[in-house]
Amino acid sequence: MISGWKTAVIENMASAFDGKMPAEPPISEKEVEKLHAKIGQHVVERGFLASASSLILGAGGKKR
């Protein structure tokens, strides 16, 4: 993975210093909705796991 990043940097190094910002890739409304749904799912899962860990580990949810 790192070698792939290195290759991409070397190939695009000149454009990094020319002062021009590359155009952001377009993202569809469907993709945005999909990402928002995924964020919502993660928020719910995190809340569930936080309350479960407090039941298992006691108040604060941290090992002491």
N, C-alpha and C. Protein backbone atom coordinates (compact mmCIF):
# COMPACT_ATOMS: atom_id res chain seq x y z
N MET A 1 0.82 -1.19 0.00
CA MET A 1 0.00 0.00 0.00
C MET A 1 0.87 1.25 0.00
N ILE A 2 1.88 1.27 0.84
CA ILE A 2 2.75 2.44 0.92
C ILE A 2 3.49 2.65 -0.39
N SER A 3 3.93 1.59 -1.03
CA SER A 3 4.62 1.76 -2.30
C SER A 3 3.69 2.32 -3.37
N GLY A 4 2.41 1.98 -3.30
CA GLY A 4 1.43 2.57 -4.22
C GLY A 4 1.28 4.06 -3.98
N TRP A 5 1.24 4.47 -2.70
CA TRP A 5 1.16 5.90 -2.37
C TRP A 5 2.41 6.63 -2.88
N LYS A 6 3.56 5.99 -2.68
CA LYS A 6 4.82 6.60 -3.09
C LYS A 6 4.83 6.80 -4.60
N THR A 7 4.38 5.81 -5.34
CA THR A 7 4.31 5.92 -6.80
C THR A 7 3.39 7.05 -7.22
N ALA A 8 2.22 7.15 -6.58
CA ALA A 8 1.28 8.22 -6.90
C ALA A 8 1.87 9.59 -6.60
N VAL A 9 2.59 9.72 -5.49
CA VAL A 9 3.21 11.00 -5.14
C VAL A 9 4.27 11.37 -6.16
N ILE A 10 5.11 10.44 -6.53
CA ILE A 10 6.16 10.73 -7.49
C ILE A 10 5.58 11.15 -8.83
N GLU A 11 4.51 10.48 -9.27
CA GLU A 11 3.89 10.79 -10.55
C GLU A 11 3.22 12.17 -10.54
N ASN A 12 2.73 12.61 -9.38
CA ASN A 12 1.98 13.87 -9.29
C ASN A 12 2.72 14.96 -8.53
N MET A 13 4.02 14.79 -8.33
CA MET A 13 4.77 15.73 -7.52
C MET A 13 4.77 17.13 -8.12
N ALA A 14 4.92 17.27 -9.40
CA ALA A 14 4.97 18.59 -10.03
C ALA A 14 3.66 19.34 -9.82
N SER A 15 2.54 18.65 -9.90
CA SER A 15 1.25 19.33 -9.73
C SER A 15 1.02 19.76 -8.29
N ALA A 16 1.75 19.21 -7.34
CA ALA A 16 1.60 19.59 -5.94
C ALA A 16 2.13 21.00 -5.69
N PHE A 17 3.03 21.48 -6.56
CA PHE A 17 3.66 22.78 -6.34
C PHE A 17 3.28 23.82 -7.38
N ASP A 18 2.36 23.52 -8.29
CA ASP A 18 1.99 24.50 -9.31
C ASP A 18 0.91 25.46 -8.85
N GLY A 19 0.35 25.27 -7.64
CA GLY A 19 -0.63 26.19 -7.09
C GLY A 19 -2.05 25.93 -7.52
N LYS A 20 -2.28 25.02 -8.40
CA LYS A 20 -3.63 24.70 -8.86
C LYS A 20 -4.19 23.55 -8.03
N MET A 21 -5.42 23.71 -7.61
CA MET A 21 -6.09 22.66 -6.85
C MET A 21 -6.81 21.73 -7.83
N PRO A 22 -6.64 20.44 -7.68
CA PRO A 22 -7.38 19.52 -8.55
C PRO A 22 -8.87 19.55 -8.23
N ALA A 23 -9.67 19.33 -9.25
CA ALA A 23 -11.12 19.31 -9.05
C ALA A 23 -11.50 18.10 -8.21
N GLU A 24 -12.44 18.31 -7.29
CA GLU A 24 -12.90 17.20 -6.47
C GLU A 24 -13.74 16.26 -7.33
N PRO A 25 -13.58 14.97 -7.12
CA PRO A 25 -14.39 14.03 -7.90
C PRO A 25 -15.87 14.19 -7.54
N PRO A 26 -16.73 14.11 -8.52
CA PRO A 26 -18.16 14.26 -8.21
C PRO A 26 -18.67 13.08 -7.39
N ILE A 27 -19.60 13.37 -6.50
CA ILE A 27 -20.19 12.31 -5.69
C ILE A 27 -21.71 12.41 -5.85
N SER A 28 -22.31 11.29 -6.07
CA SER A 28 -23.74 11.27 -6.34
C SER A 28 -24.55 11.42 -5.05
N GLU A 29 -25.78 11.88 -5.21
CA GLU A 29 -26.68 12.02 -4.05
C GLU A 29 -26.95 10.66 -3.41
N LYS A 30 -26.99 9.62 -4.24
CA LYS A 30 -27.22 8.27 -3.72
C LYS A 30 -26.06 7.83 -2.83
N GLU A 31 -24.85 8.17 -3.24
CA GLU A 31 -23.67 7.82 -2.46
C GLU A 31 -23.66 8.57 -1.12
N VAL A 32 -24.07 9.85 -1.15
CA VAL A 32 -24.15 10.64 0.08
C VAL A 32 -25.16 10.02 1.04
N GLU A 33 -26.31 9.63 0.53
CA GLU A 33 -27.32 8.99 1.37
C GLU A 33 -26.81 7.68 1.96
N LYS A 34 -26.09 6.92 1.15
CA LYS A 34 -25.53 5.65 1.61
C LYS A 34 -24.52 5.90 2.75
N LEU A 35 -23.69 6.92 2.60
CA LEU A 35 -22.70 7.23 3.64
C LEU A 35 -23.36 7.74 4.92
N HIS A 36 -24.42 8.56 4.77
CA HIS A 36 -25.15 9.02 5.95
C HIS A 36 -25.80 7.86 6.70
N ALA A 37 -26.33 6.90 5.95
CA ALA A 37 -26.93 5.72 6.58
C ALA A 37 -25.87 4.93 7.34
N LYS A 38 -24.70 4.81 6.76
CA LYS A 38 -23.61 4.07 7.41
C LYS A 38 -23.17 4.78 8.69
N ILE A 39 -23.09 6.11 8.64
CA ILE A 39 -22.73 6.87 9.84
C ILE A 39 -23.77 6.65 10.93
N GLY A 40 -25.06 6.70 10.56
CA GLY A 40 -26.12 6.46 11.52
C GLY A 40 -26.02 5.08 12.15
N GLN A 41 -25.71 4.08 11.32
CA GLN A 41 -25.55 2.72 11.82
C GLN A 41 -24.41 2.65 12.82
N HIS A 42 -23.29 3.30 12.53
CA HIS A 42 -22.14 3.28 13.43
C HIS A 42 -22.44 4.00 14.74
N VAL A 43 -23.22 5.09 14.68
CA VAL A 43 -23.59 5.81 15.90
C VAL A 43 -24.43 4.91 16.80
N VAL A 44 -25.39 4.20 16.21
CA VAL A 44 -26.24 3.30 16.99
C VAL A 44 -25.40 2.17 17.60
N GLU A 45 -24.52 1.58 16.79
CA GLU A 45 -23.68 0.49 17.29
C GLU A 45 -22.76 0.96 18.40
N ARG A 46 -22.20 2.16 18.26
CA ARG A 46 -21.31 2.69 19.29
C ARG A 46 -22.07 2.91 20.59
N GLY A 47 -23.27 3.43 20.50
CA GLY A 47 -24.08 3.64 21.69
C GLY A 47 -24.40 2.34 22.39
N PHE A 48 -24.74 1.33 21.59
CA PHE A 48 -25.04 0.01 22.16
C PHE A 48 -23.82 -0.57 22.85
N LEU A 49 -22.66 -0.49 22.19
CA LEU A 49 -21.45 -1.06 22.76
C LEU A 49 -20.99 -0.28 23.99
N ALA A 50 -21.20 1.03 24.00
CA ALA A 50 -20.82 1.82 25.17
C ALA A 50 -21.66 1.43 26.38
N SER A 51 -22.97 1.26 26.17
CA SER A 51 -23.81 0.87 27.31
C SER A 51 -23.53 -0.57 27.73
N ALA A 52 -23.23 -1.44 26.79
CA ALA A 52 -22.90 -2.82 27.14
C ALA A 52 -21.58 -2.89 27.91
N SER A 53 -20.61 -2.07 27.50
CA SER A 53 -19.33 -2.10 28.21
C SER A 53 -19.47 -1.55 29.62
N SER A 54 -20.37 -0.59 29.83
CA SER A 54 -20.55 -0.08 31.18
C SER A 54 -21.20 -1.14 32.07
N LEU A 55 -22.02 -1.99 31.49
CA LEU A 55 -22.62 -3.08 32.26
C LEU A 55 -21.57 -4.13 32.63
N ILE A 56 -20.67 -4.38 31.70
CA ILE A 56 -19.66 -5.40 31.92
C ILE A 56 -18.52 -4.88 32.82
N LEU A 57 -18.06 -3.67 32.52
CA LEU A 57 -16.88 -3.14 33.21
C LEU A 57 -17.23 -2.21 34.36
N GLY A 58 -18.47 -1.89 34.56
CA GLY A 58 -18.87 -0.99 35.62
C GLY A 58 -18.95 0.44 35.15
N ALA A 59 -19.18 1.35 36.06
CA ALA A 59 -19.33 2.76 35.74
C ALA A 59 -18.09 3.28 35.04
N GLY A 60 -18.30 4.10 34.04
CA GLY A 60 -17.17 4.66 33.31
C GLY A 60 -16.78 3.84 32.11
N GLY A 61 -17.06 2.57 32.10
CA GLY A 61 -16.77 1.71 30.97
C GLY A 61 -15.31 1.49 30.69
N LYS A 62 -14.44 1.70 31.69
CA LYS A 62 -13.02 1.52 31.47
C LYS A 62 -12.46 0.55 32.50
N LYS A 63 -11.46 -0.20 32.07
CA LYS A 63 -10.76 -1.07 33.02
C LYS A 63 -9.91 -0.21 33.93
N ARG A 64 -9.82 -0.59 35.15
CA ARG A 64 -9.00 0.18 36.10
C ARG A 64 -7.94 -0.70 36.70
